[in-house]
N, C-alpha and C. Protein backbone atom coordinates (compact mmCIF):
# COMPACT_ATOMS: atom_id res chain seq x y z
N MET A 1 0.93 -1.16 -0.12
CA MET A 1 -0.02 0.06 0.04
C MET A 1 0.97 1.40 -0.13
N SER A 2 0.47 2.28 -0.59
CA SER A 2 1.08 3.40 -0.74
C SER A 2 1.10 4.26 0.70
N THR A 3 1.88 5.35 0.65
CA THR A 3 1.80 6.34 1.94
C THR A 3 0.81 7.46 1.59
N TYR A 4 0.33 7.60 0.47
CA TYR A 4 -0.58 8.76 0.03
C TYR A 4 -1.95 8.48 0.64
N LYS A 5 -2.53 9.57 1.08
CA LYS A 5 -3.76 9.67 2.04
C LYS A 5 -4.86 10.39 0.95
N VAL A 6 -4.60 11.30 0.23
CA VAL A 6 -5.43 12.22 -0.47
C VAL A 6 -5.10 11.79 -1.97
N ILE A 7 -6.03 11.65 -2.99
CA ILE A 7 -5.88 11.71 -4.45
C ILE A 7 -6.83 12.61 -4.86
N ALA A 8 -6.09 13.77 -5.47
CA ALA A 8 -6.65 14.88 -6.08
C ALA A 8 -6.71 15.02 -7.50
N PHE A 9 -7.71 15.55 -8.19
CA PHE A 9 -7.70 15.60 -9.61
C PHE A 9 -7.89 17.00 -10.22
N ASP A 10 -7.26 17.36 -11.12
CA ASP A 10 -7.70 18.54 -11.97
C ASP A 10 -9.11 18.02 -12.80
N CYS A 11 -9.87 18.95 -13.33
CA CYS A 11 -11.07 18.50 -13.97
C CYS A 11 -11.05 18.37 -15.47
N ASP A 12 -10.69 19.38 -16.05
CA ASP A 12 -10.62 19.39 -17.72
C ASP A 12 -9.43 18.67 -18.11
N GLY A 13 -9.69 17.89 -18.95
CA GLY A 13 -8.47 16.79 -19.55
C GLY A 13 -8.14 15.63 -18.80
N VAL A 14 -8.65 15.59 -17.57
CA VAL A 14 -8.34 14.55 -16.68
C VAL A 14 -9.65 13.73 -16.35
N LEU A 15 -10.60 14.39 -15.53
CA LEU A 15 -11.83 13.63 -15.32
C LEU A 15 -12.50 13.57 -16.60
N PHE A 16 -12.59 14.55 -17.33
CA PHE A 16 -13.31 14.72 -18.52
C PHE A 16 -12.66 15.23 -19.88
N ASP A 17 -12.81 14.77 -20.84
CA ASP A 17 -12.44 15.48 -22.15
C ASP A 17 -13.15 16.35 -22.34
N THR A 18 -12.96 17.75 -22.11
CA THR A 18 -13.84 18.83 -22.26
C THR A 18 -13.43 19.81 -23.67
N ALA A 19 -12.50 19.31 -24.05
CA ALA A 19 -11.97 20.10 -25.44
C ALA A 19 -13.20 20.68 -26.30
N GLU A 20 -14.05 19.81 -26.61
CA GLU A 20 -15.06 20.21 -27.59
C GLU A 20 -16.04 21.23 -26.84
N SER A 21 -16.50 21.00 -25.57
CA SER A 21 -17.42 21.70 -24.91
C SER A 21 -16.72 23.11 -24.59
N ASN A 22 -15.64 23.10 -24.24
CA ASN A 22 -14.91 24.34 -23.93
C ASN A 22 -14.92 25.13 -25.30
N ARG A 23 -14.34 24.59 -26.29
CA ARG A 23 -14.32 25.24 -27.54
C ARG A 23 -15.75 25.89 -28.10
N THR A 24 -16.62 24.87 -27.95
CA THR A 24 -17.94 25.41 -28.26
C THR A 24 -18.39 26.53 -27.52
N TYR A 25 -18.21 26.54 -26.21
CA TYR A 25 -18.56 27.54 -25.32
C TYR A 25 -18.04 28.91 -25.53
N TYR A 26 -16.78 28.97 -25.75
CA TYR A 26 -16.15 30.44 -26.03
C TYR A 26 -16.46 30.85 -27.45
N ASN A 27 -16.48 29.87 -28.44
CA ASN A 27 -16.78 30.38 -29.47
C ASN A 27 -18.17 30.77 -29.83
N ALA A 28 -19.15 30.51 -28.99
CA ALA A 28 -20.51 30.85 -28.90
C ALA A 28 -20.52 32.21 -28.20
N ILE A 29 -19.64 32.49 -27.34
CA ILE A 29 -19.55 34.16 -26.83
C ILE A 29 -19.09 35.03 -27.88
N ARG A 30 -17.98 34.51 -28.61
CA ARG A 30 -17.38 35.20 -29.83
C ARG A 30 -18.37 35.44 -30.83
N ASN A 31 -18.96 34.22 -31.16
CA ASN A 31 -19.90 34.58 -32.46
C ASN A 31 -21.25 35.69 -32.16
N GLN A 32 -21.68 35.45 -30.87
CA GLN A 32 -22.73 36.34 -30.55
C GLN A 32 -22.17 37.82 -30.54
N LEU A 33 -20.92 38.17 -30.56
CA LEU A 33 -20.36 39.63 -30.65
C LEU A 33 -19.76 39.67 -31.99
N GLY A 34 -20.09 38.83 -32.90
CA GLY A 34 -19.83 38.89 -34.31
C GLY A 34 -18.17 38.76 -34.52
N MET A 35 -17.63 37.91 -33.72
CA MET A 35 -16.19 37.76 -33.94
C MET A 35 -15.99 36.18 -34.41
N PRO A 36 -15.06 35.81 -34.78
CA PRO A 36 -14.74 34.47 -35.46
C PRO A 36 -14.27 33.57 -34.31
N ASP A 37 -14.30 32.12 -34.64
CA ASP A 37 -14.17 31.21 -33.80
C ASP A 37 -12.61 31.59 -33.23
N MET A 38 -12.17 30.93 -31.98
CA MET A 38 -11.01 30.88 -31.57
C MET A 38 -9.81 30.48 -32.43
N THR A 39 -8.70 31.00 -32.41
CA THR A 39 -7.56 30.29 -33.02
C THR A 39 -7.06 29.00 -32.10
N GLU A 40 -6.25 28.50 -32.62
CA GLU A 40 -5.74 27.19 -31.81
C GLU A 40 -4.91 27.76 -30.55
N GLU A 41 -4.26 28.85 -30.79
CA GLU A 41 -3.49 29.35 -29.62
C GLU A 41 -4.44 29.85 -28.55
N GLN A 42 -5.68 30.52 -29.11
CA GLN A 42 -6.70 31.06 -28.02
C GLN A 42 -7.18 29.84 -27.40
N PHE A 43 -7.48 28.91 -28.09
CA PHE A 43 -8.11 27.75 -27.36
C PHE A 43 -7.24 27.20 -26.41
N CYS A 44 -6.03 27.06 -26.67
CA CYS A 44 -4.99 26.59 -25.75
C CYS A 44 -4.97 27.13 -24.31
N PHE A 45 -5.13 28.55 -24.54
CA PHE A 45 -5.04 29.24 -23.24
C PHE A 45 -6.19 29.19 -22.64
N ALA A 46 -7.46 29.26 -23.18
CA ALA A 46 -8.73 29.17 -22.69
C ALA A 46 -9.05 27.87 -21.85
N HIS A 47 -8.54 26.76 -22.54
CA HIS A 47 -8.65 25.30 -22.16
C HIS A 47 -8.03 25.10 -20.82
N MET A 48 -6.82 26.03 -20.23
CA MET A 48 -6.29 25.99 -18.94
C MET A 48 -6.53 26.78 -18.03
N HIS A 49 -7.10 27.96 -18.47
CA HIS A 49 -7.29 29.07 -17.49
C HIS A 49 -8.83 29.30 -16.98
N THR A 50 -8.79 30.24 -15.97
CA THR A 50 -10.16 30.40 -15.45
C THR A 50 -10.95 31.11 -16.58
N VAL A 51 -12.37 31.20 -16.42
CA VAL A 51 -13.27 31.60 -17.48
C VAL A 51 -12.82 33.22 -17.46
N GLN A 52 -12.48 33.74 -16.24
CA GLN A 52 -12.29 35.36 -16.23
C GLN A 52 -10.93 35.58 -17.02
N GLU A 53 -9.92 34.90 -16.73
CA GLU A 53 -8.59 34.88 -17.45
C GLU A 53 -8.81 34.71 -18.99
N SER A 54 -9.65 33.81 -19.38
CA SER A 54 -9.87 33.53 -20.75
C SER A 54 -10.63 34.56 -21.52
N LEU A 55 -11.68 35.11 -20.62
CA LEU A 55 -12.38 36.00 -21.34
C LEU A 55 -11.41 37.36 -21.68
N ALA A 56 -10.66 37.64 -20.66
CA ALA A 56 -9.69 38.85 -20.88
C ALA A 56 -8.77 38.70 -21.74
N TYR A 57 -8.39 37.32 -22.12
CA TYR A 57 -7.55 37.06 -23.20
C TYR A 57 -7.98 36.98 -24.66
N LEU A 58 -9.30 36.58 -24.63
CA LEU A 58 -10.06 36.61 -26.03
C LEU A 58 -10.75 37.87 -26.43
N PHE A 59 -10.81 38.69 -25.42
CA PHE A 59 -11.46 40.15 -25.58
C PHE A 59 -10.57 41.24 -25.00
N LYS A 60 -9.53 41.59 -25.83
CA LYS A 60 -8.64 42.33 -25.02
C LYS A 60 -9.06 43.80 -25.13
N ASP A 61 -9.96 44.25 -25.81
CA ASP A 61 -10.71 45.39 -25.79
C ASP A 61 -11.64 45.73 -24.60
N PRO A 62 -11.44 46.61 -23.78
CA PRO A 62 -12.30 46.79 -22.52
C PRO A 62 -13.75 46.71 -22.65
N GLN A 63 -14.24 47.48 -23.99
CA GLN A 63 -15.61 47.34 -24.22
C GLN A 63 -16.03 46.07 -24.72
N ALA A 64 -15.37 45.34 -25.45
CA ALA A 64 -15.64 44.19 -25.97
C ALA A 64 -15.66 42.91 -24.83
N LEU A 65 -14.76 43.02 -24.02
CA LEU A 65 -14.72 42.30 -22.76
C LEU A 65 -16.05 42.63 -21.69
N GLN A 66 -16.44 43.77 -21.68
CA GLN A 66 -17.79 44.01 -20.92
C GLN A 66 -18.81 43.34 -21.51
N LYS A 67 -18.93 43.37 -22.81
CA LYS A 67 -20.03 42.66 -23.55
C LYS A 67 -19.92 41.39 -23.32
N ALA A 68 -18.70 40.80 -23.60
CA ALA A 68 -18.47 39.31 -23.44
C ALA A 68 -19.05 38.64 -22.20
N GLU A 69 -18.57 39.58 -20.94
CA GLU A 69 -19.02 39.34 -19.65
C GLU A 69 -20.51 39.17 -19.45
N ALA A 70 -21.32 40.19 -20.14
CA ALA A 70 -22.57 40.16 -20.26
C ALA A 70 -23.18 39.02 -20.86
N VAL A 71 -22.68 38.63 -22.10
CA VAL A 71 -23.35 37.43 -22.79
C VAL A 71 -23.09 36.27 -21.89
N LYS A 72 -21.86 36.05 -21.10
CA LYS A 72 -21.65 34.82 -20.46
C LYS A 72 -22.64 34.86 -19.35
N LYS A 73 -23.21 35.93 -18.49
CA LYS A 73 -24.07 35.79 -17.56
C LYS A 73 -25.47 35.55 -18.01
N GLN A 74 -25.70 35.55 -19.40
CA GLN A 74 -26.93 35.45 -19.72
C GLN A 74 -26.91 33.98 -20.21
N MET A 75 -25.79 33.47 -20.68
CA MET A 75 -25.80 32.01 -21.17
C MET A 75 -25.57 30.79 -20.36
N SER A 76 -26.75 30.07 -20.41
CA SER A 76 -26.45 28.75 -19.47
C SER A 76 -25.43 27.66 -19.85
N TYR A 77 -24.64 27.18 -19.01
CA TYR A 77 -23.71 26.42 -19.29
C TYR A 77 -24.02 24.96 -19.52
N ALA A 78 -25.38 24.56 -18.97
CA ALA A 78 -25.88 23.28 -19.16
C ALA A 78 -25.71 22.76 -20.49
N PRO A 79 -26.17 23.41 -21.64
CA PRO A 79 -26.01 22.53 -22.78
C PRO A 79 -24.62 22.16 -23.21
N PHE A 80 -23.71 22.79 -22.71
CA PHE A 80 -22.25 22.45 -23.05
C PHE A 80 -21.65 21.27 -22.19
N VAL A 81 -22.34 20.99 -21.05
CA VAL A 81 -21.84 19.94 -20.26
C VAL A 81 -22.17 18.46 -21.03
N THR A 82 -23.02 18.51 -22.02
CA THR A 82 -23.35 17.15 -22.63
C THR A 82 -22.27 16.87 -23.68
N ALA A 83 -21.54 17.87 -23.97
CA ALA A 83 -20.36 17.63 -24.91
C ALA A 83 -19.19 17.08 -24.19
N MET A 84 -19.20 16.91 -22.89
CA MET A 84 -17.98 16.45 -22.23
C MET A 84 -18.04 14.85 -22.18
N LYS A 85 -16.88 14.38 -22.30
CA LYS A 85 -16.76 12.92 -22.30
C LYS A 85 -15.87 12.42 -20.99
N MET A 86 -16.60 11.80 -20.12
CA MET A 86 -16.09 11.29 -18.87
C MET A 86 -14.88 10.32 -19.07
N GLU A 87 -13.84 10.43 -18.50
CA GLU A 87 -12.87 9.38 -18.57
C GLU A 87 -13.21 7.93 -18.30
N PRO A 88 -13.26 7.05 -19.11
CA PRO A 88 -13.81 5.75 -18.94
C PRO A 88 -13.47 5.09 -17.68
N ALA A 89 -12.43 5.20 -17.04
CA ALA A 89 -11.85 4.36 -15.91
C ALA A 89 -12.17 5.31 -14.50
N LEU A 90 -12.94 6.47 -14.81
CA LEU A 90 -13.13 7.24 -13.80
C LEU A 90 -13.89 6.84 -12.45
N ILE A 91 -15.21 6.51 -12.74
CA ILE A 91 -16.20 5.84 -11.62
C ILE A 91 -15.61 4.63 -11.07
N PRO A 92 -15.11 3.62 -11.86
CA PRO A 92 -14.49 2.42 -11.21
C PRO A 92 -13.26 2.79 -10.24
N LEU A 93 -12.56 3.75 -10.69
CA LEU A 93 -11.27 4.07 -9.83
C LEU A 93 -11.88 4.60 -8.52
N LEU A 94 -12.79 5.68 -8.62
CA LEU A 94 -13.20 6.51 -7.34
C LEU A 94 -13.88 5.33 -6.58
N LYS A 95 -14.52 4.51 -6.94
CA LYS A 95 -15.28 3.43 -6.08
C LYS A 95 -14.29 2.58 -5.37
N LYS A 96 -13.15 2.19 -6.18
CA LYS A 96 -12.03 1.64 -5.54
C LYS A 96 -11.08 2.43 -4.56
N LEU A 97 -11.14 3.79 -4.76
CA LEU A 97 -10.46 4.61 -3.77
C LEU A 97 -11.11 4.72 -2.62
N ARG A 98 -12.25 5.00 -2.61
CA ARG A 98 -13.01 5.16 -1.44
C ARG A 98 -13.73 3.97 -0.73
N PRO A 99 -13.56 4.09 0.67
CA PRO A 99 -12.97 5.09 1.47
C PRO A 99 -12.02 5.17 2.14
N THR A 100 -11.01 4.32 1.46
CA THR A 100 -9.57 4.04 2.02
C THR A 100 -8.84 5.41 1.83
N TYR A 101 -9.03 6.16 0.56
CA TYR A 101 -8.43 7.36 0.31
C TYR A 101 -9.47 8.71 0.18
N LYS A 102 -9.11 9.86 0.66
CA LYS A 102 -10.03 10.86 0.47
C LYS A 102 -9.85 11.35 -0.95
N THR A 103 -10.72 11.86 -1.54
CA THR A 103 -10.72 12.39 -3.01
C THR A 103 -11.17 13.77 -3.12
N ALA A 104 -10.35 14.32 -3.84
CA ALA A 104 -10.86 15.78 -4.21
C ALA A 104 -10.46 16.21 -5.72
N ILE A 105 -11.17 17.49 -5.87
CA ILE A 105 -10.92 18.14 -7.27
C ILE A 105 -10.36 19.51 -6.93
N ALA A 106 -9.09 19.85 -7.70
CA ALA A 106 -8.65 21.18 -7.62
C ALA A 106 -8.66 21.61 -9.09
N THR A 107 -9.59 22.56 -9.44
CA THR A 107 -9.83 23.07 -10.84
C THR A 107 -9.91 24.57 -10.94
N ASN A 108 -9.51 24.95 -12.22
CA ASN A 108 -9.63 26.45 -12.39
C ASN A 108 -10.89 26.70 -12.92
N ARG A 109 -11.86 25.69 -13.07
CA ARG A 109 -13.30 25.93 -13.41
C ARG A 109 -13.75 26.81 -12.27
N SER A 110 -14.81 27.54 -12.42
CA SER A 110 -15.47 28.50 -11.46
C SER A 110 -16.87 28.04 -11.28
N ASP A 111 -17.97 28.97 -11.77
CA ASP A 111 -19.21 28.66 -11.40
C ASP A 111 -19.90 27.59 -12.19
N SER A 112 -19.19 27.00 -13.13
CA SER A 112 -19.62 25.78 -13.88
C SER A 112 -19.45 24.62 -13.18
N MET A 113 -18.69 24.42 -12.22
CA MET A 113 -18.55 23.26 -11.48
C MET A 113 -19.86 22.63 -10.98
N PRO A 114 -20.66 23.40 -10.17
CA PRO A 114 -21.99 22.75 -9.63
C PRO A 114 -22.84 22.12 -10.82
N THR A 115 -22.91 22.75 -12.11
CA THR A 115 -23.52 22.10 -13.06
C THR A 115 -22.89 20.93 -13.62
N LEU A 116 -21.66 20.98 -13.67
CA LEU A 116 -21.00 19.80 -14.35
C LEU A 116 -21.11 18.51 -13.32
N LEU A 117 -20.79 18.85 -12.04
CA LEU A 117 -21.00 17.75 -11.07
C LEU A 117 -22.25 17.13 -11.07
N ARG A 118 -23.40 18.09 -11.10
CA ARG A 118 -24.70 17.56 -10.86
C ARG A 118 -25.18 16.89 -12.14
N GLU A 119 -24.83 17.20 -13.29
CA GLU A 119 -25.30 16.59 -14.46
C GLU A 119 -24.67 15.09 -14.68
N HIS A 120 -23.49 14.85 -14.30
CA HIS A 120 -22.65 13.72 -14.30
C HIS A 120 -22.81 12.97 -12.98
N ASP A 121 -23.58 13.54 -12.14
CA ASP A 121 -23.74 12.81 -10.93
C ASP A 121 -22.52 12.12 -10.22
N ILE A 122 -21.54 12.91 -9.91
CA ILE A 122 -20.29 12.52 -9.42
C ILE A 122 -19.94 13.15 -8.16
N THR A 123 -20.88 14.22 -7.71
CA THR A 123 -20.59 14.82 -6.37
C THR A 123 -20.24 14.04 -5.29
N PRO A 124 -21.11 12.79 -4.94
CA PRO A 124 -20.79 12.03 -3.92
C PRO A 124 -19.40 11.27 -3.88
N TYR A 125 -18.80 11.31 -4.90
CA TYR A 125 -17.40 10.60 -5.00
C TYR A 125 -16.32 11.47 -4.49
N PHE A 126 -16.68 12.76 -4.16
CA PHE A 126 -15.44 13.75 -3.76
C PHE A 126 -15.81 14.13 -2.27
N ASP A 127 -14.76 14.20 -1.42
CA ASP A 127 -14.66 14.79 -0.16
C ASP A 127 -14.56 16.30 -0.14
N LEU A 128 -13.96 16.93 -1.17
CA LEU A 128 -13.71 18.25 -1.22
C LEU A 128 -13.65 18.52 -2.85
N ILE A 129 -14.07 19.91 -3.19
CA ILE A 129 -14.17 20.41 -4.39
C ILE A 129 -13.45 21.75 -4.43
N VAL A 130 -12.33 22.07 -4.83
CA VAL A 130 -11.82 23.53 -4.83
C VAL A 130 -11.67 23.93 -6.29
N SER A 131 -12.57 25.18 -6.39
CA SER A 131 -12.64 25.81 -7.82
C SER A 131 -11.77 27.11 -7.65
N ALA A 132 -11.75 27.69 -8.75
CA ALA A 132 -11.02 29.08 -8.78
C ALA A 132 -11.72 30.12 -7.84
N ASN A 133 -13.08 29.98 -7.61
CA ASN A 133 -13.78 30.72 -6.90
C ASN A 133 -13.64 30.89 -5.32
N ASP A 134 -12.81 29.58 -4.93
CA ASP A 134 -12.53 29.20 -3.48
C ASP A 134 -11.20 29.70 -3.12
N VAL A 135 -10.35 30.16 -3.86
CA VAL A 135 -9.18 30.66 -3.38
C VAL A 135 -8.75 32.00 -3.96
N PRO A 136 -7.76 32.69 -3.29
CA PRO A 136 -7.44 34.04 -3.90
C PRO A 136 -6.75 34.22 -5.24
N ARG A 137 -6.05 33.01 -5.54
CA ARG A 137 -5.38 32.89 -6.78
C ARG A 137 -5.53 31.48 -7.31
N PRO A 138 -5.80 31.35 -8.55
CA PRO A 138 -6.13 30.08 -9.31
C PRO A 138 -4.75 29.44 -9.83
N LYS A 139 -4.66 28.25 -10.18
CA LYS A 139 -3.58 27.72 -10.74
C LYS A 139 -3.03 28.74 -11.97
N PRO A 140 -1.80 28.85 -12.16
CA PRO A 140 -0.65 28.08 -11.65
C PRO A 140 -0.14 28.28 -10.19
N TYR A 141 -0.74 29.32 -9.53
CA TYR A 141 -0.58 29.41 -8.06
C TYR A 141 -1.05 28.04 -7.30
N PRO A 142 -0.36 27.82 -6.28
CA PRO A 142 -0.55 26.59 -5.30
C PRO A 142 -1.78 26.77 -4.44
N ASP A 143 -2.39 27.81 -4.52
CA ASP A 143 -3.36 28.05 -3.37
C ASP A 143 -4.52 26.86 -3.25
N GLN A 144 -4.85 26.39 -4.49
CA GLN A 144 -6.05 25.28 -4.22
C GLN A 144 -5.39 24.04 -3.78
N LEU A 145 -4.15 23.78 -4.10
CA LEU A 145 -3.47 22.40 -3.43
C LEU A 145 -3.14 22.72 -1.94
N LEU A 146 -2.67 24.04 -1.60
CA LEU A 146 -2.56 24.37 -0.15
C LEU A 146 -3.92 24.33 0.52
N ARG A 147 -5.06 24.51 -0.07
CA ARG A 147 -6.35 24.41 0.49
C ARG A 147 -6.42 23.02 0.79
N LEU A 148 -6.33 22.04 -0.02
CA LEU A 148 -6.47 20.63 0.24
C LEU A 148 -5.66 20.26 1.35
N LEU A 149 -4.29 20.54 1.46
CA LEU A 149 -3.42 20.27 2.54
C LEU A 149 -3.97 20.40 3.85
N ASP A 150 -4.34 21.94 3.80
CA ASP A 150 -5.08 22.39 5.07
C ASP A 150 -6.27 21.52 5.47
N TYR A 151 -7.14 21.42 4.56
CA TYR A 151 -8.48 20.64 4.82
C TYR A 151 -8.33 19.19 5.38
N PHE A 152 -7.38 18.52 4.87
CA PHE A 152 -7.26 17.25 5.06
C PHE A 152 -6.13 17.00 6.13
N LYS A 153 -5.66 18.13 6.56
CA LYS A 153 -4.39 18.01 7.56
C LYS A 153 -3.38 16.96 7.00
N ALA A 154 -2.94 17.32 5.79
CA ALA A 154 -1.98 16.30 5.23
C ALA A 154 -0.73 17.07 4.79
N SER A 155 0.39 16.08 4.66
CA SER A 155 1.78 16.91 4.47
C SER A 155 1.66 16.68 2.88
N PRO A 156 2.47 17.48 2.25
CA PRO A 156 2.41 17.31 0.48
C PRO A 156 2.67 16.11 0.09
N HIS A 157 3.63 15.27 0.77
CA HIS A 157 3.95 13.84 0.22
C HIS A 157 2.81 12.94 0.41
N GLU A 158 1.75 13.33 1.29
CA GLU A 158 0.66 12.39 1.59
C GLU A 158 -0.45 12.63 0.40
N VAL A 159 -0.22 13.63 -0.46
CA VAL A 159 -1.31 14.06 -1.56
C VAL A 159 -0.62 13.76 -2.85
N LEU A 160 -1.58 13.21 -3.68
CA LEU A 160 -1.20 12.81 -5.17
C LEU A 160 -2.03 13.78 -6.05
N TYR A 161 -1.62 14.43 -7.06
CA TYR A 161 -2.28 15.32 -7.76
C TYR A 161 -2.31 14.97 -9.12
N VAL A 162 -3.44 14.74 -9.69
CA VAL A 162 -3.29 14.33 -11.21
C VAL A 162 -3.74 15.54 -12.14
N GLY A 163 -2.88 15.93 -12.92
CA GLY A 163 -3.16 17.06 -13.82
C GLY A 163 -2.67 16.68 -15.13
N ASP A 164 -2.97 17.63 -16.11
CA ASP A 164 -2.57 17.32 -17.55
C ASP A 164 -1.95 18.54 -18.29
N SER A 165 -1.61 19.57 -17.46
CA SER A 165 -1.18 21.01 -18.04
C SER A 165 0.00 21.50 -17.38
N LYS A 166 0.59 22.54 -17.88
CA LYS A 166 1.69 23.27 -17.34
C LYS A 166 1.20 23.89 -16.07
N VAL A 167 0.00 24.46 -16.01
CA VAL A 167 -0.54 25.17 -14.94
C VAL A 167 -0.56 24.11 -13.63
N ASP A 168 -1.11 22.97 -14.13
CA ASP A 168 -1.01 21.81 -12.96
C ASP A 168 0.37 21.54 -12.43
N GLU A 169 1.41 21.46 -13.40
CA GLU A 169 2.77 21.07 -13.04
C GLU A 169 3.33 22.33 -12.03
N THR A 170 3.19 23.53 -12.52
CA THR A 170 3.60 24.57 -11.55
C THR A 170 3.03 24.72 -10.18
N ALA A 171 1.65 24.47 -10.20
CA ALA A 171 1.00 24.53 -8.93
C ALA A 171 1.41 23.37 -7.93
N ALA A 172 1.54 22.14 -8.62
CA ALA A 172 1.97 21.10 -7.77
C ALA A 172 3.48 21.18 -7.39
N LYS A 173 4.34 21.65 -8.11
CA LYS A 173 5.58 21.80 -7.45
C LYS A 173 5.69 22.98 -6.53
N ALA A 174 4.99 24.03 -6.78
CA ALA A 174 4.96 25.25 -5.77
C ALA A 174 4.40 24.48 -4.38
N ALA A 175 3.55 23.75 -4.33
CA ALA A 175 2.93 23.24 -3.15
C ALA A 175 3.59 21.89 -2.55
N GLN A 176 4.64 21.58 -3.49
CA GLN A 176 5.55 20.26 -3.11
C GLN A 176 4.66 19.01 -3.09
N VAL A 177 3.70 19.08 -3.94
CA VAL A 177 2.94 17.92 -4.03
C VAL A 177 3.38 16.99 -5.22
N PRO A 178 3.38 15.67 -5.08
CA PRO A 178 3.68 14.91 -6.25
C PRO A 178 2.72 15.00 -7.26
N LEU A 179 3.11 15.02 -8.65
CA LEU A 179 2.21 14.94 -9.69
C LEU A 179 2.06 13.88 -10.42
N VAL A 180 0.96 13.50 -10.81
CA VAL A 180 0.74 12.43 -11.99
C VAL A 180 0.19 13.06 -13.26
N ALA A 181 1.00 13.15 -14.34
CA ALA A 181 0.82 13.76 -15.38
C ALA A 181 0.00 12.82 -16.36
N TYR A 182 -1.13 13.26 -16.52
CA TYR A 182 -2.30 12.56 -17.45
C TYR A 182 -2.11 12.99 -19.00
N ASP A 183 -1.60 11.80 -19.75
CA ASP A 183 -1.52 11.89 -21.07
C ASP A 183 -0.74 13.23 -21.54
N ASN A 184 0.38 13.44 -21.01
CA ASN A 184 1.15 14.76 -21.32
C ASN A 184 2.62 14.43 -20.92
N LYS A 185 3.49 13.90 -21.98
CA LYS A 185 4.78 13.51 -21.58
C LYS A 185 5.66 14.73 -21.46
N SER A 186 5.27 15.76 -21.88
CA SER A 186 6.22 17.11 -21.70
C SER A 186 6.15 17.61 -20.31
N LEU A 187 5.32 17.17 -19.47
CA LEU A 187 5.20 17.70 -18.07
C LEU A 187 6.35 16.92 -17.18
N SER A 188 6.88 17.55 -16.24
CA SER A 188 7.84 17.07 -15.27
C SER A 188 6.89 16.48 -14.07
N ALA A 189 6.96 15.19 -13.93
CA ALA A 189 6.13 14.47 -12.85
C ALA A 189 6.72 13.37 -12.23
N GLU A 190 6.18 13.03 -11.17
CA GLU A 190 6.68 11.71 -10.43
C GLU A 190 6.11 10.57 -11.39
N TYR A 191 5.07 10.64 -11.93
CA TYR A 191 4.31 9.50 -12.65
C TYR A 191 3.88 10.22 -14.03
N HIS A 192 3.72 9.27 -14.92
CA HIS A 192 2.95 9.71 -16.21
C HIS A 192 1.95 8.50 -16.64
N ILE A 193 0.90 8.85 -16.83
CA ILE A 193 -0.08 7.79 -17.06
C ILE A 193 -1.06 8.14 -18.43
N ARG A 194 -1.65 7.23 -19.07
CA ARG A 194 -2.47 7.25 -20.25
C ARG A 194 -4.09 7.22 -19.78
N SER A 195 -4.09 6.43 -18.59
CA SER A 195 -5.44 6.22 -18.20
C SER A 195 -5.70 6.37 -16.73
N LEU A 196 -6.77 6.75 -16.15
CA LEU A 196 -6.81 6.69 -14.78
C LEU A 196 -6.75 5.41 -14.01
N LYS A 197 -6.85 4.42 -14.91
CA LYS A 197 -6.85 2.96 -14.20
C LYS A 197 -5.48 2.87 -13.78
N GLU A 198 -4.41 3.55 -14.33
CA GLU A 198 -3.03 3.07 -14.00
C GLU A 198 -2.65 3.88 -12.55
N ILE A 199 -3.68 4.67 -12.08
CA ILE A 199 -3.32 5.18 -10.45
C ILE A 199 -3.63 3.95 -9.58
N GLU A 200 -4.20 2.85 -10.15
CA GLU A 200 -4.37 1.72 -9.18
C GLU A 200 -3.03 1.00 -9.07
N ASP A 201 -1.93 1.14 -10.11
CA ASP A 201 -0.86 0.54 -9.98
C ASP A 201 0.04 1.36 -9.13
N ILE A 202 -0.03 2.63 -9.30
CA ILE A 202 0.83 3.53 -8.51
C ILE A 202 0.64 3.36 -6.95
N LEU A 203 -0.65 3.19 -6.63
CA LEU A 203 -1.04 2.86 -5.30
C LEU A 203 -0.99 1.58 -4.71
N GLY A 204 -0.86 0.57 -5.72
CA GLY A 204 -0.82 -0.73 -5.25
C GLY A 204 -1.90 -1.23 -4.73
N ILE A 205 -3.26 -0.97 -5.39
CA ILE A 205 -4.55 -1.35 -5.01
C ILE A 205 -5.04 -2.15 -6.08
């Protein structure tokens, strides 16, 4: 058995393949304002950062940003949840982890998290969910992971964080939490996996 006590996950790109839903979401806002779809560079940024940071990046003109924020407030996120694809091994893994391990989510998502969790019926599988709204600074700052450490009264070496992006790598390093890089060989991490099922091997369960 491992010495880990808490297994924490990023959301986008780890628990779910959200590329299509995120792309559709931000393009819908841009299109309503008469702007073209995102470039690949713009999408890569939006896919990793908070919605506030993404809108500021996508709409650099202050007036355009104000209009984009107004469109966002009026737009329901629920239709975009259906485009998300859950990682096939997620539910079996969570059932195997609990109750031996505490489970958590640390994500740069904000007000869309309640809808996502409710629609996919996975809230009961997690002991704690920390979104960008719950901390002073989102990833790449370590605030979300530090919140996990404090909540579970755990040392950094007792928490395993599964992420897929550079912001996850930077946050984990700053919090001194071991990182499992999901389907991204370019990241510096203690472990690299292609499926969440591989976490069972890491933990020896």
